[in-house]
Amino acid sequence: MANKQQTIERICCVCRKLQPIDQMTRVVRVGGEFLVQTDKRLNGRGAHVCSACLQSPNLQKSLCRSFKTQLPATIFQQLTGK
């Protein structure tokens, strides 16, 4: 019996499309602090953003809706690279 490698998928909070998790960026709220997840898996409330939506004008609105609060500007600077 061959082992099938399952692809883990998540829904992008901006475009609402199902995407492979390795093509997405995760924003996490740990306690009251917001972080952009790098390699290490962080516990906490998270929202995924696909690479195509990182430059979307709806990015800020979608992430704020996902967390039901305003996020710091530094998170959007990290995501967009500006």
PDB file of N, CA and C in Angstrom:
ATOM      1  N   MET A   1       0.838  -1.163   0.000  1.00  0.00           N
ATOM      2  CA  MET A   1       0.000   0.000   0.000  1.00  0.00           C
ATOM      3  C   MET A   1       0.891   1.237   0.000  1.00  0.00           C
ATOM      4  N   ALA A   2       0.712   2.074  -0.982  1.00  0.00           N
ATOM      5  CA  ALA A   2       1.543   3.273  -1.119  1.00  0.00           C
ATOM      6  C   ALA A   2       1.014   4.383  -0.217  1.00  0.00           C
ATOM      7  N   ASN A   3       1.931   5.140   0.370  1.00  0.00           N
ATOM      8  CA  ASN A   3       1.551   6.287   1.195  1.00  0.00           C
ATOM      9  C   ASN A   3       1.277   7.480   0.292  1.00  0.00           C
ATOM     10  N   LYS A   4       0.097   8.012   0.387  1.00  0.00           N
ATOM     11  CA  LYS A   4      -0.248   9.200  -0.389  1.00  0.00           C
ATOM     12  C   LYS A   4       0.066  10.422   0.444  1.00  0.00           C
ATOM     13  N   GLN A   5       0.789  11.343  -0.145  1.00  0.00           N
ATOM     14  CA  GLN A   5       1.131  12.587   0.522  1.00  0.00           C
ATOM     15  C   GLN A   5      -0.050  13.534   0.387  1.00  0.00           C
ATOM     16  N   GLN A   6      -0.680  13.871   1.494  1.00  0.00           N
ATOM     17  CA  GLN A   6      -1.799  14.786   1.448  1.00  0.00           C
ATOM     18  C   GLN A   6      -1.305  16.224   1.441  1.00  0.00           C
ATOM     19  N   THR A   7      -1.948  17.037   0.633  1.00  0.00           N
ATOM     20  CA  THR A   7      -1.648  18.457   0.602  1.00  0.00           C
ATOM     21  C   THR A   7      -2.603  19.159   1.556  1.00  0.00           C
ATOM     22  N   ILE A   8      -2.041  19.879   2.513  1.00  0.00           N
ATOM     23  CA  ILE A   8      -2.862  20.626   3.463  1.00  0.00           C
ATOM     24  C   ILE A   8      -3.267  21.933   2.800  1.00  0.00           C
ATOM     25  N   GLU A   9      -4.549  22.245   2.852  1.00  0.00           N
ATOM     26  CA  GLU A   9      -5.057  23.460   2.232  1.00  0.00           C
ATOM     27  C   GLU A   9      -5.803  24.305   3.253  1.00  0.00           C
ATOM     28  N   ARG A  10      -5.753  25.599   3.045  1.00  0.00           N
ATOM     29  CA  ARG A  10      -6.467  26.558   3.885  1.00  0.00           C
ATOM     30  C   ARG A  10      -7.144  27.581   2.972  1.00  0.00           C
ATOM     31  N   ILE A  11      -8.111  28.293   3.514  1.00  0.00           N
ATOM     32  CA  ILE A  11      -8.829  29.318   2.755  1.00  0.00           C
ATOM     33  C   ILE A  11      -8.171  30.672   3.002  1.00  0.00           C
ATOM     34  N   CYS A  12      -7.885  31.389   1.943  1.00  0.00           N
ATOM     35  CA  CYS A  12      -7.324  32.738   2.039  1.00  0.00           C
ATOM     36  C   CYS A  12      -8.405  33.668   2.584  1.00  0.00           C
ATOM     37  N   CYS A  13      -8.048  34.491   3.559  1.00  0.00           N
ATOM     38  CA  CYS A  13      -9.041  35.389   4.169  1.00  0.00           C
ATOM     39  C   CYS A  13      -9.402  36.556   3.251  1.00  0.00           C
ATOM     40  N   VAL A  14      -8.651  36.779   2.177  1.00  0.00           N
ATOM     41  CA  VAL A  14      -8.936  37.884   1.263  1.00  0.00           C
ATOM     42  C   VAL A  14      -9.797  37.408   0.085  1.00  0.00           C
ATOM     43  N   CYS A  15      -9.301  36.431  -0.687  1.00  0.00           N
ATOM     44  CA  CYS A  15     -10.025  35.987  -1.884  1.00  0.00           C
ATOM     45  C   CYS A  15     -10.957  34.810  -1.621  1.00  0.00           C
ATOM     46  N   ARG A  16     -10.848  34.194  -0.421  1.00  0.00           N
ATOM     47  CA  ARG A  16     -11.701  33.083  -0.001  1.00  0.00           C
ATOM     48  C   ARG A  16     -11.539  31.835  -0.872  1.00  0.00           C
ATOM     49  N   LYS A  17     -10.368  31.665  -1.495  1.00  0.00           N
ATOM     50  CA  LYS A  17     -10.091  30.480  -2.304  1.00  0.00           C
ATOM     51  C   LYS A  17      -9.244  29.500  -1.506  1.00  0.00           C
ATOM     52  N   LEU A  18      -9.473  28.223  -1.743  1.00  0.00           N
ATOM     53  CA  LEU A  18      -8.714  27.169  -1.104  1.00  0.00           C
ATOM     54  C   LEU A  18      -7.351  27.070  -1.781  1.00  0.00           C
ATOM     55  N   GLN A  19      -6.277  27.147  -0.994  1.00  0.00           N
ATOM     56  CA  GLN A  19      -4.906  27.140  -1.515  1.00  0.00           C
ATOM     57  C   GLN A  19      -4.051  26.195  -0.679  1.00  0.00           C
ATOM     58  N   PRO A  20      -2.989  25.631  -1.265  1.00  0.00           N
ATOM     59  CA  PRO A  20      -2.047  24.838  -0.458  1.00  0.00           C
ATOM     60  C   PRO A  20      -1.390  25.726   0.601  1.00  0.00           C
ATOM     61  N   ILE A  21      -1.226  25.181   1.786  1.00  0.00           N
ATOM     62  CA  ILE A  21      -0.724  25.958   2.916  1.00  0.00           C
ATOM     63  C   ILE A  21       0.711  26.446   2.696  1.00  0.00           C
ATOM     64  N   ASP A  22       1.496  25.729   1.889  1.00  0.00           N
ATOM     65  CA  ASP A  22       2.883  26.139   1.664  1.00  0.00           C
ATOM     66  C   ASP A  22       2.991  27.352   0.739  1.00  0.00           C
ATOM     67  N   GLN A  23       1.888  27.781   0.138  1.00  0.00           N
ATOM     68  CA  GLN A  23       1.880  28.970  -0.723  1.00  0.00           C
ATOM     69  C   GLN A  23       1.230  30.160  -0.031  1.00  0.00           C
ATOM     70  N   MET A  24       1.037  30.046   1.286  1.00  0.00           N
ATOM     71  CA  MET A  24       0.335  31.083   2.027  1.00  0.00           C
ATOM     72  C   MET A  24       1.181  31.627   3.167  1.00  0.00           C
ATOM     73  N   THR A  25       0.818  32.815   3.607  1.00  0.00           N
ATOM     74  CA  THR A  25       1.440  33.457   4.760  1.00  0.00           C
ATOM     75  C   THR A  25       0.394  33.492   5.861  1.00  0.00           C
ATOM     76  N   ARG A  26       0.824  33.214   7.090  1.00  0.00           N
ATOM     77  CA  ARG A  26      -0.107  33.174   8.210  1.00  0.00           C
ATOM     78  C   ARG A  26       0.190  34.310   9.176  1.00  0.00           C
ATOM     79  N   VAL A  27      -0.860  35.040   9.538  1.00  0.00           N
ATOM     80  CA  VAL A  27      -0.776  36.073  10.572  1.00  0.00           C
ATOM     81  C   VAL A  27      -1.409  35.467  11.818  1.00  0.00           C
ATOM     82  N   VAL A  28      -0.719  35.609  12.954  1.00  0.00           N
ATOM     83  CA  VAL A  28      -1.150  34.961  14.187  1.00  0.00           C
ATOM     84  C   VAL A  28      -1.293  35.984  15.302  1.00  0.00           C
ATOM     85  N   ARG A  29      -2.335  35.793  16.127  1.00  0.00           N
ATOM     86  CA  ARG A  29      -2.475  36.579  17.350  1.00  0.00           C
ATOM     87  C   ARG A  29      -2.159  35.649  18.517  1.00  0.00           C
ATOM     88  N   VAL A  30      -1.066  35.943  19.202  1.00  0.00           N
ATOM     89  CA  VAL A  30      -0.659  35.175  20.378  1.00  0.00           C
ATOM     90  C   VAL A  30      -0.822  36.102  21.572  1.00  0.00           C
ATOM     91  N   GLY A  31      -1.788  35.795  22.411  1.00  0.00           N
ATOM     92  CA  GLY A  31      -2.120  36.724  23.495  1.00  0.00           C
ATOM     93  C   GLY A  31      -2.702  37.970  22.878  1.00  0.00           C
ATOM     94  N   GLY A  32      -2.096  39.106  23.079  1.00  0.00           N
ATOM     95  CA  GLY A  32      -2.540  40.351  22.460  1.00  0.00           C
ATOM     96  C   GLY A  32      -1.606  40.831  21.371  1.00  0.00           C
ATOM     97  N   GLU A  33      -0.612  40.028  21.041  1.00  0.00           N
ATOM     98  CA  GLU A  33       0.423  40.420  20.080  1.00  0.00           C
ATOM     99  C   GLU A  33       0.180  39.755  18.729  1.00  0.00           C
ATOM    100  N   PHE A  34       0.353  40.515  17.647  1.00  0.00           N
ATOM    101  CA  PHE A  34       0.201  39.990  16.295  1.00  0.00           C
ATOM    102  C   PHE A  34       1.575  39.739  15.693  1.00  0.00           C
ATOM    103  N   LEU A  35       1.717  38.592  15.033  1.00  0.00           N
ATOM    104  CA  LEU A  35       2.986  38.202  14.417  1.00  0.00           C
ATOM    105  C   LEU A  35       2.730  37.617  13.033  1.00  0.00           C
ATOM    106  N   VAL A  36       3.706  37.777  12.140  1.00  0.00           N
ATOM    107  CA  VAL A  36       3.683  37.081  10.859  1.00  0.00           C
ATOM    108  C   VAL A  36       4.475  35.805  11.061  1.00  0.00           C
ATOM    109  N   GLN A  37       3.817  34.676  10.843  1.00  0.00           N
ATOM    110  CA  GLN A  37       4.464  33.386  11.083  1.00  0.00           C
ATOM    111  C   GLN A  37       5.558  33.143  10.058  1.00  0.00           C
ATOM    112  N   THR A  38       6.716  32.748  10.557  1.00  0.00           N
ATOM    113  CA  THR A  38       7.816  32.388   9.667  1.00  0.00           C
ATOM    114  C   THR A  38       7.861  30.863   9.582  1.00  0.00           C
ATOM    115  N   ASP A  39       8.963  30.252   9.870  1.00  0.00           N
ATOM    116  CA  ASP A  39       9.089  28.800   9.770  1.00  0.00           C
ATOM    117  C   ASP A  39       8.424  28.085  10.937  1.00  0.00           C
ATOM    118  N   LYS A  40       8.554  28.650  12.116  1.00  0.00           N
ATOM    119  CA  LYS A  40       8.060  27.999  13.323  1.00  0.00           C
ATOM    120  C   LYS A  40       6.538  28.090  13.407  1.00  0.00           C
ATOM    121  N   ARG A  41       5.903  26.969  13.698  1.00  0.00           N
ATOM    122  CA  ARG A  41       4.444  26.929  13.859  1.00  0.00           C
ATOM    123  C   ARG A  41       4.082  27.572  15.189  1.00  0.00           C
ATOM    124  N   LEU A  42       3.275  28.634  15.118  1.00  0.00           N
ATOM    125  CA  LEU A  42       2.876  29.360  16.322  1.00  0.00           C
ATOM    126  C   LEU A  42       1.455  28.992  16.716  1.00  0.00           C
ATOM    127  N   ASN A  43       1.228  28.856  18.013  1.00  0.00           N
ATOM    128  CA  ASN A  43      -0.114  28.616  18.523  1.00  0.00           C
ATOM    129  C   ASN A  43      -0.846  29.938  18.623  1.00  0.00           C
ATOM    130  N   GLY A  44      -2.134  29.907  18.422  1.00  0.00           N
ATOM    131  CA  GLY A  44      -2.940  31.105  18.541  1.00  0.00           C
ATOM    132  C   GLY A  44      -3.898  31.234  17.379  1.00  0.00           C
ATOM    133  N   ARG A  45      -4.701  32.266  17.413  1.00  0.00           N
ATOM    134  CA  ARG A  45      -5.667  32.530  16.354  1.00  0.00           C
ATOM    135  C   ARG A  45      -4.914  32.981  15.116  1.00  0.00           C
ATOM    136  N   GLY A  46      -5.217  32.363  13.969  1.00  0.00           N
ATOM    137  CA  GLY A  46      -4.488  32.689  12.758  1.00  0.00           C
ATOM    138  C   GLY A  46      -5.397  32.956  11.576  1.00  0.00           C
ATOM    139  N   ALA A  47      -4.856  33.663  10.604  1.00  0.00           N
ATOM    140  CA  ALA A  47      -5.531  33.928   9.340  1.00  0.00           C
ATOM    141  C   ALA A  47      -4.504  33.755   8.235  1.00  0.00           C
ATOM    142  N   HIS A  48      -4.890  33.072   7.164  1.00  0.00           N
ATOM    143  CA  HIS A  48      -3.983  32.798   6.057  1.00  0.00           C
ATOM    144  C   HIS A  48      -4.254  33.745   4.892  1.00  0.00           C
ATOM    145  N   VAL A  49      -3.168  34.158   4.228  1.00  0.00           N
ATOM    146  CA  VAL A  49      -3.257  35.027   3.060  1.00  0.00           C
ATOM    147  C   VAL A  49      -2.423  34.392   1.949  1.00  0.00           C
ATOM    148  N   CYS A  50      -3.037  34.196   0.772  1.00  0.00           N
ATOM    149  CA  CYS A  50      -2.281  33.612  -0.346  1.00  0.00           C
ATOM    150  C   CYS A  50      -1.322  34.655  -0.921  1.00  0.00           C
ATOM    151  N   SER A  51      -0.333  34.195  -1.642  1.00  0.00           N
ATOM    152  CA  SER A  51       0.702  35.092  -2.162  1.00  0.00           C
ATOM    153  C   SER A  51       0.134  36.103  -3.157  1.00  0.00           C
ATOM    154  N   ALA A  52      -0.919  35.742  -3.878  1.00  0.00           N
ATOM    155  CA  ALA A  52      -1.525  36.656  -4.848  1.00  0.00           C
ATOM    156  C   ALA A  52      -2.233  37.822  -4.160  1.00  0.00           C
ATOM    157  N   CYS A  53      -2.721  37.611  -2.947  1.00  0.00           N
ATOM    158  CA  CYS A  53      -3.496  38.643  -2.239  1.00  0.00           C
ATOM    159  C   CYS A  53      -2.643  39.543  -1.353  1.00  0.00           C
ATOM    160  N   LEU A  54      -1.344  39.303  -1.269  1.00  0.00           N
ATOM    161  CA  LEU A  54      -0.495  40.139  -0.419  1.00  0.00           C
ATOM    162  C   LEU A  54      -0.451  41.591  -0.888  1.00  0.00           C
ATOM    163  N   GLN A  55      -0.715  41.822  -2.163  1.00  0.00           N
ATOM    164  CA  GLN A  55      -0.730  43.189  -2.701  1.00  0.00           C
ATOM    165  C   GLN A  55      -2.150  43.699  -2.927  1.00  0.00           C
ATOM    166  N   SER A  56      -3.146  42.962  -2.452  1.00  0.00           N
ATOM    167  CA  SER A  56      -4.546  43.332  -2.644  1.00  0.00           C
ATOM    168  C   SER A  56      -4.907  44.569  -1.824  1.00  0.00           C
ATOM    169  N   PRO A  57      -5.730  45.453  -2.381  1.00  0.00           N
ATOM    170  CA  PRO A  57      -6.189  46.608  -1.599  1.00  0.00           C
ATOM    171  C   PRO A  57      -7.134  46.197  -0.463  1.00  0.00           C
ATOM    172  N   ASN A  58      -7.665  44.988  -0.503  1.00  0.00           N
ATOM    173  CA  ASN A  58      -8.582  44.506   0.527  1.00  0.00           C
ATOM    174  C   ASN A  58      -7.875  43.759   1.649  1.00  0.00           C
ATOM    175  N   LEU A  59      -6.562  43.698   1.629  1.00  0.00           N
ATOM    176  CA  LEU A  59      -5.801  42.932   2.618  1.00  0.00           C
ATOM    177  C   LEU A  59      -6.074  43.412   4.044  1.00  0.00           C
ATOM    178  N   GLN A  60      -5.959  44.696   4.275  1.00  0.00           N
ATOM    179  CA  GLN A  60      -6.138  45.233   5.624  1.00  0.00           C
ATOM    180  C   GLN A  60      -7.560  44.992   6.137  1.00  0.00           C
ATOM    181  N   LYS A  61      -8.535  45.252   5.319  1.00  0.00           N
ATOM    182  CA  LYS A  61      -9.928  45.070   5.715  1.00  0.00           C
ATOM    183  C   LYS A  61     -10.214  43.600   6.035  1.00  0.00           C
ATOM    184  N   SER A  62      -9.703  42.692   5.215  1.00  0.00           N
ATOM    185  CA  SER A  62      -9.954  41.268   5.411  1.00  0.00           C
ATOM    186  C   SER A  62      -9.300  40.737   6.682  1.00  0.00           C
ATOM    187  N   LEU A  63      -8.067  41.144   6.945  1.00  0.00           N
ATOM    188  CA  LEU A  63      -7.391  40.685   8.159  1.00  0.00           C
ATOM    189  C   LEU A  63      -8.052  41.265   9.409  1.00  0.00           C
ATOM    190  N   CYS A  64      -8.449  42.509   9.366  1.00  0.00           N
ATOM    191  CA  CYS A  64      -9.138  43.111  10.516  1.00  0.00           C
ATOM    192  C   CYS A  64     -10.464  42.404  10.776  1.00  0.00           C
ATOM    193  N   ARG A  65     -11.142  42.012   9.719  1.00  0.00           N
ATOM    194  CA  ARG A  65     -12.397  41.273   9.872  1.00  0.00           C
ATOM    195  C   ARG A  65     -12.139  39.890  10.473  1.00  0.00           C
ATOM    196  N   SER A  66     -11.071  39.235  10.053  1.00  0.00           N
ATOM    197  CA  SER A  66     -10.752  37.904  10.574  1.00  0.00           C
ATOM    198  C   SER A  66     -10.458  37.921  12.064  1.00  0.00           C
ATOM    199  N   PHE A  67      -9.770  38.955  12.517  1.00  0.00           N
ATOM    200  CA  PHE A  67      -9.398  39.044  13.932  1.00  0.00           C
ATOM    201  C   PHE A  67     -10.385  39.885  14.753  1.00  0.00           C
ATOM    202  N   LYS A  68     -11.339  40.516  14.082  1.00  0.00           N
ATOM    203  CA  LYS A  68     -12.348  41.359  14.733  1.00  0.00           C
ATOM    204  C   LYS A  68     -11.714  42.484  15.547  1.00  0.00           C
ATOM    205  N   THR A  69     -10.610  43.009  15.041  1.00  0.00           N
ATOM    206  CA  THR A  69      -9.925  44.128  15.680  1.00  0.00           C
ATOM    207  C   THR A  69      -8.980  44.771  14.666  1.00  0.00           C
ATOM    208  N   GLN A  70      -8.511  45.947  14.982  1.00  0.00           N
ATOM    209  CA  GLN A  70      -7.549  46.652  14.138  1.00  0.00           C
ATOM    210  C   GLN A  70      -6.158  46.079  14.377  1.00  0.00           C
ATOM    211  N   LEU A  71      -5.419  45.794  13.320  1.00  0.00           N
ATOM    212  CA  LEU A  71      -4.062  45.267  13.432  1.00  0.00           C
ATOM    213  C   LEU A  71      -3.054  46.405  13.341  1.00  0.00           C
ATOM    214  N   PRO A  72      -1.880  46.234  13.961  1.00  0.00           N
ATOM    215  CA  PRO A  72      -0.848  47.274  13.869  1.00  0.00           C
ATOM    216  C   PRO A  72      -0.335  47.425  12.436  1.00  0.00           C
ATOM    217  N   ALA A  73       0.068  48.616  12.090  1.00  0.00           N
ATOM    218  CA  ALA A  73       0.573  48.908  10.745  1.00  0.00           C
ATOM    219  C   ALA A  73       1.828  48.113  10.426  1.00  0.00           C
ATOM    220  N   THR A  74       2.595  47.726  11.436  1.00  0.00           N
ATOM    221  CA  THR A  74       3.830  46.970  11.195  1.00  0.00           C
ATOM    222  C   THR A  74       3.549  45.609  10.572  1.00  0.00           C
ATOM    223  N   ILE A  75       2.398  45.021  10.865  1.00  0.00           N
ATOM    224  CA  ILE A  75       2.028  43.730  10.270  1.00  0.00           C
ATOM    225  C   ILE A  75       1.853  43.890   8.768  1.00  0.00           C
ATOM    226  N   PHE A  76       1.174  44.936   8.349  1.00  0.00           N
ATOM    227  CA  PHE A  76       0.952  45.157   6.909  1.00  0.00           C
ATOM    228  C   PHE A  76       2.255  45.514   6.213  1.00  0.00           C
ATOM    229  N   GLN A  77       3.156  46.208   6.900  1.00  0.00           N
ATOM    230  CA  GLN A  77       4.462  46.504   6.319  1.00  0.00           C
ATOM    231  C   GLN A  77       5.246  45.231   6.107  1.00  0.00           C
ATOM    232  N   GLN A  78       5.188  44.304   7.066  1.00  0.00           N
ATOM    233  CA  GLN A  78       5.890  43.018   6.911  1.00  0.00           C
ATOM    234  C   GLN A  78       5.302  42.209   5.771  1.00  0.00           C
ATOM    235  N   LEU A  79       3.987  42.202   5.641  1.00  0.00           N
ATOM    236  CA  LEU A  79       3.327  41.411   4.611  1.00  0.00           C
ATOM    237  C   LEU A  79       3.589  41.950   3.209  1.00  0.00           C
ATOM    238  N   THR A  80       3.509  43.262   3.047  1.00  0.00           N
ATOM    239  CA  THR A  80       3.650  43.853   1.726  1.00  0.00           C
ATOM    240  C   THR A  80       5.087  44.182   1.368  1.00  0.00           C
ATOM    241  N   GLY A  81       5.967  44.202   2.371  1.00  0.00           N
ATOM    242  CA  GLY A  81       7.368  44.502   2.097  1.00  0.00           C
ATOM    243  C   GLY A  81       7.629  45.980   1.898  1.00  0.00           C
ATOM    244  N   LYS A  82       6.714  46.831   2.315  1.00  0.00           N
ATOM    245  CA  LYS A  82       6.881  48.292   2.142  1.00  0.00           C
ATOM    246  C   LYS A  82       7.348  48.924   3.422  1.00  0.00           C
TER     247      LYS A  82
END
